[in-house]
Amino acid sequence: MTDTKDIQRVNWDVTIAQSEGGVSFFDNMIVRTLLGVNVFFCLVSFGLLGYFIRPTENIIVLHYNVYFGVDIQGIWWQVFILPIAGLFFLGGHTFFARRFYDRSLRIASYLMLFSSGLLSIGIVLASASVAYINY
């Protein structure tokens, strides 16, 4: 049998959840928008590199420095390490953002996802520069 204290505790938890919005992490519009923007920028990064970088036997430029010129060279598939790292960062930020969100730290959750968006924009710019240098 259930105890009346357990019923009161469950009702109290439901009341708290409803007063704080009661929306799950992936149902929140801000979270959806930020995740959508992040995924879009990751796809743009993969698309840029996939369109401009073709499998070849030649060495390609992976990094160019204004002071020293070409300082990192590699084979064609190594350019995809950058957007893959961006996906890992997005996954990590989403994991921590969800944990913050579940602990009612909504602003921290939004800031984690926003910072992941800034990182994704930086990865798109780096991918565009690598594609431009090798095109």
N, C-alpha and C. Protein backbone atom coordinates (compact mmCIF):
# COMPACT_ATOMS: atom_id res chain seq x y z
N MET A 1 0.84 -1.18 0.00
CA MET A 1 0.00 0.00 0.00
C MET A 1 0.89 1.25 0.00
N THR A 2 0.37 2.28 -0.56
CA THR A 2 1.14 3.53 -0.62
C THR A 2 0.87 4.36 0.63
N ASP A 3 1.87 5.01 1.03
CA ASP A 3 1.79 5.87 2.20
C ASP A 3 1.34 7.25 1.75
N THR A 4 0.60 7.97 2.59
CA THR A 4 0.12 9.31 2.22
C THR A 4 1.27 10.29 2.09
N LYS A 5 2.38 10.06 2.81
CA LYS A 5 3.54 10.95 2.66
C LYS A 5 4.15 10.80 1.27
N ASP A 6 4.17 9.57 0.73
CA ASP A 6 4.69 9.37 -0.61
C ASP A 6 3.82 10.08 -1.65
N ILE A 7 2.51 10.03 -1.47
CA ILE A 7 1.59 10.69 -2.39
C ILE A 7 1.79 12.20 -2.32
N GLN A 8 1.93 12.73 -1.12
CA GLN A 8 2.15 14.17 -0.97
C GLN A 8 3.48 14.58 -1.59
N ARG A 9 4.52 13.74 -1.43
CA ARG A 9 5.82 14.05 -1.99
C ARG A 9 5.76 14.05 -3.52
N VAL A 10 5.07 13.09 -4.09
CA VAL A 10 4.93 13.04 -5.55
C VAL A 10 4.18 14.25 -6.04
N ASN A 11 3.11 14.62 -5.39
CA ASN A 11 2.34 15.80 -5.79
C ASN A 11 3.19 17.07 -5.67
N TRP A 12 4.00 17.16 -4.63
CA TRP A 12 4.87 18.31 -4.46
C TRP A 12 5.89 18.40 -5.60
N ASP A 13 6.48 17.26 -5.99
CA ASP A 13 7.44 17.26 -7.09
C ASP A 13 6.78 17.65 -8.40
N VAL A 14 5.56 17.19 -8.65
CA VAL A 14 4.84 17.56 -9.86
C VAL A 14 4.54 19.05 -9.86
N THR A 15 4.19 19.60 -8.73
CA THR A 15 3.90 21.03 -8.63
C THR A 15 5.15 21.86 -8.90
N ILE A 16 6.28 21.42 -8.37
CA ILE A 16 7.53 22.14 -8.62
C ILE A 16 7.88 22.09 -10.10
N ALA A 17 7.75 20.92 -10.72
CA ALA A 17 8.07 20.79 -12.14
C ALA A 17 7.17 21.66 -13.00
N GLN A 18 5.90 21.75 -12.66
CA GLN A 18 4.99 22.58 -13.44
C GLN A 18 5.26 24.06 -13.23
N SER A 19 5.68 24.44 -12.04
CA SER A 19 5.96 25.85 -11.80
C SER A 19 7.23 26.30 -12.51
N GLU A 20 8.16 25.39 -12.77
CA GLU A 20 9.40 25.73 -13.45
C GLU A 20 9.30 25.59 -14.97
N GLY A 21 8.14 25.40 -15.47
CA GLY A 21 7.97 25.28 -16.91
C GLY A 21 7.48 23.90 -17.29
N GLY A 22 8.00 22.89 -16.64
CA GLY A 22 7.56 21.54 -16.88
C GLY A 22 7.82 21.02 -18.29
N VAL A 23 8.72 21.63 -19.01
CA VAL A 23 9.02 21.22 -20.37
C VAL A 23 10.31 20.42 -20.34
N SER A 24 10.33 19.29 -21.03
CA SER A 24 11.54 18.48 -21.06
C SER A 24 12.61 19.17 -21.91
N PHE A 25 13.82 18.63 -21.83
CA PHE A 25 14.97 19.26 -22.47
C PHE A 25 14.77 19.42 -23.97
N PHE A 26 14.40 18.34 -24.65
CA PHE A 26 14.28 18.41 -26.10
C PHE A 26 12.97 19.03 -26.56
N ASP A 27 12.04 19.30 -25.66
CA ASP A 27 10.80 19.99 -26.02
C ASP A 27 10.92 21.50 -25.86
N ASN A 28 11.99 21.97 -25.23
CA ASN A 28 12.20 23.39 -25.03
C ASN A 28 12.59 24.04 -26.36
N MET A 29 11.92 25.14 -26.70
CA MET A 29 12.14 25.79 -27.99
C MET A 29 13.55 26.38 -28.11
N ILE A 30 14.08 26.93 -27.04
CA ILE A 30 15.43 27.51 -27.08
C ILE A 30 16.46 26.41 -27.31
N VAL A 31 16.30 25.28 -26.63
CA VAL A 31 17.22 24.16 -26.80
C VAL A 31 17.15 23.62 -28.22
N ARG A 32 15.94 23.47 -28.73
CA ARG A 32 15.78 22.98 -30.11
C ARG A 32 16.44 23.91 -31.11
N THR A 33 16.25 25.21 -30.93
CA THR A 33 16.84 26.18 -31.85
C THR A 33 18.36 26.13 -31.80
N LEU A 34 18.93 26.12 -30.60
CA LEU A 34 20.38 26.09 -30.47
C LEU A 34 20.96 24.79 -31.02
N LEU A 35 20.32 23.67 -30.75
CA LEU A 35 20.80 22.40 -31.30
C LEU A 35 20.67 22.37 -32.82
N GLY A 36 19.58 22.92 -33.34
CA GLY A 36 19.40 22.97 -34.79
C GLY A 36 20.47 23.81 -35.47
N VAL A 37 20.79 24.94 -34.88
CA VAL A 37 21.85 25.80 -35.44
C VAL A 37 23.20 25.08 -35.39
N ASN A 38 23.47 24.41 -34.28
CA ASN A 38 24.74 23.68 -34.15
C ASN A 38 24.85 22.56 -35.18
N VAL A 39 23.80 21.80 -35.34
CA VAL A 39 23.82 20.71 -36.32
C VAL A 39 23.95 21.28 -37.74
N PHE A 40 23.28 22.39 -38.01
CA PHE A 40 23.39 23.02 -39.33
C PHE A 40 24.83 23.41 -39.63
N PHE A 41 25.51 24.05 -38.67
CA PHE A 41 26.89 24.46 -38.90
C PHE A 41 27.82 23.25 -39.04
N CYS A 42 27.56 22.18 -38.31
CA CYS A 42 28.37 20.96 -38.48
C CYS A 42 28.17 20.38 -39.88
N LEU A 43 26.95 20.37 -40.36
CA LEU A 43 26.68 19.86 -41.70
C LEU A 43 27.30 20.75 -42.77
N VAL A 44 27.28 22.07 -42.55
CA VAL A 44 27.92 22.99 -43.49
C VAL A 44 29.43 22.72 -43.55
N SER A 45 30.03 22.48 -42.40
CA SER A 45 31.46 22.19 -42.35
C SER A 45 31.79 20.91 -43.12
N PHE A 46 31.01 19.86 -42.87
CA PHE A 46 31.23 18.61 -43.62
C PHE A 46 30.97 18.82 -45.11
N GLY A 47 29.95 19.58 -45.45
CA GLY A 47 29.62 19.83 -46.85
C GLY A 47 30.72 20.59 -47.57
N LEU A 48 31.26 21.63 -46.94
CA LEU A 48 32.35 22.39 -47.55
C LEU A 48 33.55 21.49 -47.83
N LEU A 49 33.95 20.74 -46.85
CA LEU A 49 35.12 19.90 -47.04
C LEU A 49 34.84 18.76 -48.01
N GLY A 50 33.64 18.21 -47.95
CA GLY A 50 33.30 17.13 -48.86
C GLY A 50 33.22 17.57 -50.30
N TYR A 51 32.82 18.81 -50.53
CA TYR A 51 32.70 19.32 -51.90
C TYR A 51 34.05 19.71 -52.48
N PHE A 52 34.90 20.35 -51.68
CA PHE A 52 36.15 20.89 -52.22
C PHE A 52 37.35 19.96 -52.07
N ILE A 53 37.35 19.09 -51.11
CA ILE A 53 38.49 18.20 -50.89
C ILE A 53 38.15 16.82 -51.45
N ARG A 54 38.94 16.37 -52.40
CA ARG A 54 38.73 15.07 -53.05
C ARG A 54 39.84 14.11 -52.63
N PRO A 55 39.54 12.81 -52.60
CA PRO A 55 40.60 11.84 -52.29
C PRO A 55 41.72 11.91 -53.33
N THR A 56 42.92 12.06 -52.88
CA THR A 56 44.07 12.20 -53.76
C THR A 56 45.30 11.62 -53.09
N GLU A 57 46.30 11.33 -53.89
CA GLU A 57 47.57 10.82 -53.38
C GLU A 57 48.47 11.96 -52.89
N ASN A 58 48.16 13.17 -53.30
CA ASN A 58 49.01 14.32 -52.98
C ASN A 58 48.82 14.76 -51.53
N ILE A 59 49.82 15.42 -51.01
CA ILE A 59 49.75 16.02 -49.68
C ILE A 59 48.97 17.33 -49.80
N ILE A 60 48.08 17.59 -48.86
CA ILE A 60 47.32 18.84 -48.88
C ILE A 60 47.66 19.66 -47.65
N VAL A 61 47.32 20.94 -47.72
CA VAL A 61 47.61 21.88 -46.63
C VAL A 61 46.50 21.78 -45.59
N LEU A 62 46.88 21.54 -44.35
CA LEU A 62 45.91 21.47 -43.26
C LEU A 62 45.88 22.75 -42.43
N HIS A 63 47.00 23.49 -42.44
CA HIS A 63 47.05 24.74 -41.67
C HIS A 63 48.02 25.70 -42.33
N TYR A 64 47.60 26.94 -42.39
CA TYR A 64 48.44 28.00 -42.96
C TYR A 64 48.59 29.09 -41.91
N ASN A 65 49.81 29.51 -41.68
CA ASN A 65 50.10 30.55 -40.72
C ASN A 65 50.64 31.76 -41.48
N VAL A 66 50.20 32.95 -41.13
CA VAL A 66 50.62 34.16 -41.83
C VAL A 66 52.12 34.39 -41.68
N TYR A 67 52.67 34.08 -40.54
CA TYR A 67 54.08 34.34 -40.28
C TYR A 67 55.00 33.30 -40.91
N PHE A 68 54.59 32.04 -40.87
CA PHE A 68 55.48 30.96 -41.31
C PHE A 68 55.01 30.27 -42.58
N GLY A 69 53.84 30.59 -43.08
CA GLY A 69 53.30 29.93 -44.27
C GLY A 69 52.65 28.61 -43.90
N VAL A 70 52.83 27.62 -44.76
CA VAL A 70 52.24 26.30 -44.53
C VAL A 70 53.04 25.62 -43.43
N ASP A 71 52.37 25.26 -42.34
CA ASP A 71 53.08 24.62 -41.26
C ASP A 71 52.54 23.23 -40.91
N ILE A 72 51.38 22.86 -41.42
CA ILE A 72 50.87 21.50 -41.21
C ILE A 72 50.34 20.98 -42.54
N GLN A 73 50.84 19.82 -42.94
CA GLN A 73 50.38 19.16 -44.15
C GLN A 73 49.94 17.75 -43.79
N GLY A 74 49.06 17.19 -44.62
CA GLY A 74 48.60 15.84 -44.35
C GLY A 74 47.91 15.25 -45.56
N ILE A 75 47.29 14.10 -45.34
CA ILE A 75 46.55 13.46 -46.41
C ILE A 75 45.09 13.91 -46.36
N TRP A 76 44.35 13.62 -47.44
CA TRP A 76 43.03 14.23 -47.66
C TRP A 76 42.04 13.96 -46.55
N TRP A 77 42.03 12.79 -45.94
CA TRP A 77 41.00 12.48 -44.96
C TRP A 77 41.23 13.18 -43.62
N GLN A 78 42.42 13.70 -43.40
CA GLN A 78 42.71 14.37 -42.13
C GLN A 78 41.99 15.72 -41.99
N VAL A 79 41.50 16.29 -43.09
CA VAL A 79 40.76 17.55 -42.97
C VAL A 79 39.43 17.32 -42.26
N PHE A 80 38.92 16.09 -42.27
CA PHE A 80 37.64 15.80 -41.64
C PHE A 80 37.76 15.61 -40.13
N ILE A 81 38.96 15.65 -39.60
CA ILE A 81 39.15 15.55 -38.15
C ILE A 81 38.54 16.77 -37.46
N LEU A 82 38.65 17.92 -38.09
CA LEU A 82 38.12 19.16 -37.50
C LEU A 82 36.61 19.11 -37.31
N PRO A 83 35.80 18.80 -38.32
CA PRO A 83 34.35 18.72 -38.06
C PRO A 83 33.95 17.56 -37.16
N ILE A 84 34.71 16.46 -37.20
CA ILE A 84 34.41 15.36 -36.29
C ILE A 84 34.66 15.78 -34.85
N ALA A 85 35.72 16.53 -34.62
CA ALA A 85 35.98 17.06 -33.28
C ALA A 85 34.85 18.01 -32.86
N GLY A 86 34.33 18.78 -33.82
CA GLY A 86 33.19 19.64 -33.53
C GLY A 86 31.96 18.85 -33.10
N LEU A 87 31.74 17.70 -33.73
CA LEU A 87 30.61 16.85 -33.33
C LEU A 87 30.81 16.29 -31.92
N PHE A 88 32.05 15.92 -31.58
CA PHE A 88 32.32 15.45 -30.22
C PHE A 88 32.09 16.56 -29.20
N PHE A 89 32.51 17.77 -29.52
CA PHE A 89 32.25 18.89 -28.62
C PHE A 89 30.76 19.16 -28.48
N LEU A 90 30.04 19.07 -29.59
CA LEU A 90 28.59 19.26 -29.54
C LEU A 90 27.94 18.19 -28.67
N GLY A 91 28.38 16.96 -28.82
CA GLY A 91 27.83 15.89 -27.99
C GLY A 91 28.13 16.10 -26.51
N GLY A 92 29.34 16.50 -26.19
CA GLY A 92 29.70 16.77 -24.81
C GLY A 92 28.94 17.94 -24.23
N HIS A 93 28.83 19.01 -25.00
CA HIS A 93 28.08 20.17 -24.53
C HIS A 93 26.60 19.84 -24.35
N THR A 94 26.05 19.03 -25.25
CA THR A 94 24.65 18.64 -25.12
C THR A 94 24.45 17.79 -23.89
N PHE A 95 25.38 16.88 -23.62
CA PHE A 95 25.29 16.05 -22.42
C PHE A 95 25.27 16.90 -21.15
N PHE A 96 26.22 17.83 -21.05
CA PHE A 96 26.28 18.67 -19.86
C PHE A 96 25.11 19.65 -19.80
N ALA A 97 24.67 20.13 -20.96
CA ALA A 97 23.52 21.03 -20.98
C ALA A 97 22.27 20.32 -20.47
N ARG A 98 22.11 19.07 -20.84
CA ARG A 98 20.95 18.32 -20.36
C ARG A 98 21.03 18.10 -18.86
N ARG A 99 22.22 17.81 -18.36
CA ARG A 99 22.37 17.63 -16.91
C ARG A 99 22.07 18.94 -16.17
N PHE A 100 22.53 20.07 -16.71
CA PHE A 100 22.21 21.36 -16.10
C PHE A 100 20.71 21.62 -16.15
N TYR A 101 20.10 21.30 -17.28
CA TYR A 101 18.67 21.54 -17.47
C TYR A 101 17.85 20.71 -16.48
N ASP A 102 18.25 19.46 -16.28
CA ASP A 102 17.52 18.60 -15.35
C ASP A 102 17.67 19.06 -13.91
N ARG A 103 18.72 19.80 -13.62
CA ARG A 103 18.93 20.34 -12.27
C ARG A 103 18.40 21.76 -12.14
N SER A 104 17.57 22.17 -13.08
CA SER A 104 16.92 23.49 -13.10
C SER A 104 17.90 24.63 -13.26
N LEU A 105 19.02 24.38 -13.90
CA LEU A 105 19.98 25.43 -14.23
C LEU A 105 19.84 25.75 -15.71
N ARG A 106 18.71 26.33 -16.07
CA ARG A 106 18.36 26.54 -17.46
C ARG A 106 19.34 27.49 -18.17
N ILE A 107 19.73 28.56 -17.51
CA ILE A 107 20.63 29.53 -18.13
C ILE A 107 21.98 28.89 -18.43
N ALA A 108 22.49 28.09 -17.51
CA ALA A 108 23.76 27.40 -17.75
C ALA A 108 23.63 26.44 -18.93
N SER A 109 22.49 25.80 -19.04
CA SER A 109 22.24 24.90 -20.16
C SER A 109 22.24 25.66 -21.48
N TYR A 110 21.56 26.79 -21.52
CA TYR A 110 21.51 27.61 -22.74
C TYR A 110 22.90 28.13 -23.10
N LEU A 111 23.68 28.52 -22.09
CA LEU A 111 25.02 29.03 -22.35
C LEU A 111 25.94 27.94 -22.89
N MET A 112 25.78 26.71 -22.39
CA MET A 112 26.57 25.60 -22.93
C MET A 112 26.26 25.39 -24.41
N LEU A 113 25.00 25.40 -24.76
CA LEU A 113 24.62 25.18 -26.16
C LEU A 113 25.01 26.37 -27.03
N PHE A 114 24.94 27.57 -26.48
CA PHE A 114 25.35 28.76 -27.23
C PHE A 114 26.85 28.74 -27.49
N SER A 115 27.62 28.35 -26.48
CA SER A 115 29.07 28.28 -26.68
C SER A 115 29.43 27.19 -27.68
N SER A 116 28.66 26.13 -27.71
CA SER A 116 28.88 25.10 -28.73
C SER A 116 28.59 25.66 -30.12
N GLY A 117 27.61 26.55 -30.23
CA GLY A 117 27.33 27.20 -31.50
C GLY A 117 28.47 28.09 -31.95
N LEU A 118 29.06 28.83 -31.02
CA LEU A 118 30.22 29.65 -31.37
C LEU A 118 31.39 28.79 -31.82
N LEU A 119 31.58 27.67 -31.16
CA LEU A 119 32.62 26.74 -31.56
C LEU A 119 32.35 26.19 -32.95
N SER A 120 31.09 25.89 -33.25
CA SER A 120 30.72 25.37 -34.58
C SER A 120 30.96 26.42 -35.66
N ILE A 121 30.70 27.67 -35.35
CA ILE A 121 30.97 28.74 -36.32
C ILE A 121 32.47 28.84 -36.59
N GLY A 122 33.27 28.73 -35.55
CA GLY A 122 34.72 28.74 -35.73
C GLY A 122 35.20 27.57 -36.57
N ILE A 123 34.58 26.41 -36.39
CA ILE A 123 34.96 25.24 -37.18
C ILE A 123 34.56 25.43 -38.64
N VAL A 124 33.42 26.06 -38.89
CA VAL A 124 33.02 26.34 -40.27
C VAL A 124 34.03 27.30 -40.92
N LEU A 125 34.45 28.32 -40.21
CA LEU A 125 35.44 29.25 -40.75
C LEU A 125 36.77 28.55 -41.02
N ALA A 126 37.20 27.70 -40.11
CA ALA A 126 38.44 26.96 -40.32
C ALA A 126 38.31 26.00 -41.50
N SER A 127 37.17 25.35 -41.62
CA SER A 127 36.95 24.43 -42.74
C SER A 127 36.93 25.18 -44.06
N ALA A 128 36.32 26.35 -44.07
CA ALA A 128 36.28 27.16 -45.29
C ALA A 128 37.68 27.61 -45.68
N SER A 129 38.50 27.97 -44.71
CA SER A 129 39.86 28.39 -45.04
C SER A 129 40.69 27.23 -45.54
N VAL A 130 40.53 26.03 -44.98
CA VAL A 130 41.26 24.86 -45.47
C VAL A 130 40.81 24.52 -46.88
N ALA A 131 39.51 24.60 -47.12
CA ALA A 131 39.01 24.32 -48.47
C ALA A 131 39.51 25.36 -49.46
N TYR A 132 39.58 26.62 -49.06
CA TYR A 132 40.05 27.69 -49.95
C TYR A 132 41.54 27.53 -50.26
N ILE A 133 42.31 27.18 -49.27
CA ILE A 133 43.76 27.03 -49.48
C ILE A 133 44.05 25.88 -50.45
N ASN A 134 43.28 24.82 -50.37
CA ASN A 134 43.55 23.64 -51.18
C ASN A 134 42.79 23.62 -52.50
N TYR A 135 41.97 24.59 -52.77
CA TYR A 135 41.17 24.58 -53.99
C TYR A 135 41.93 25.15 -55.17
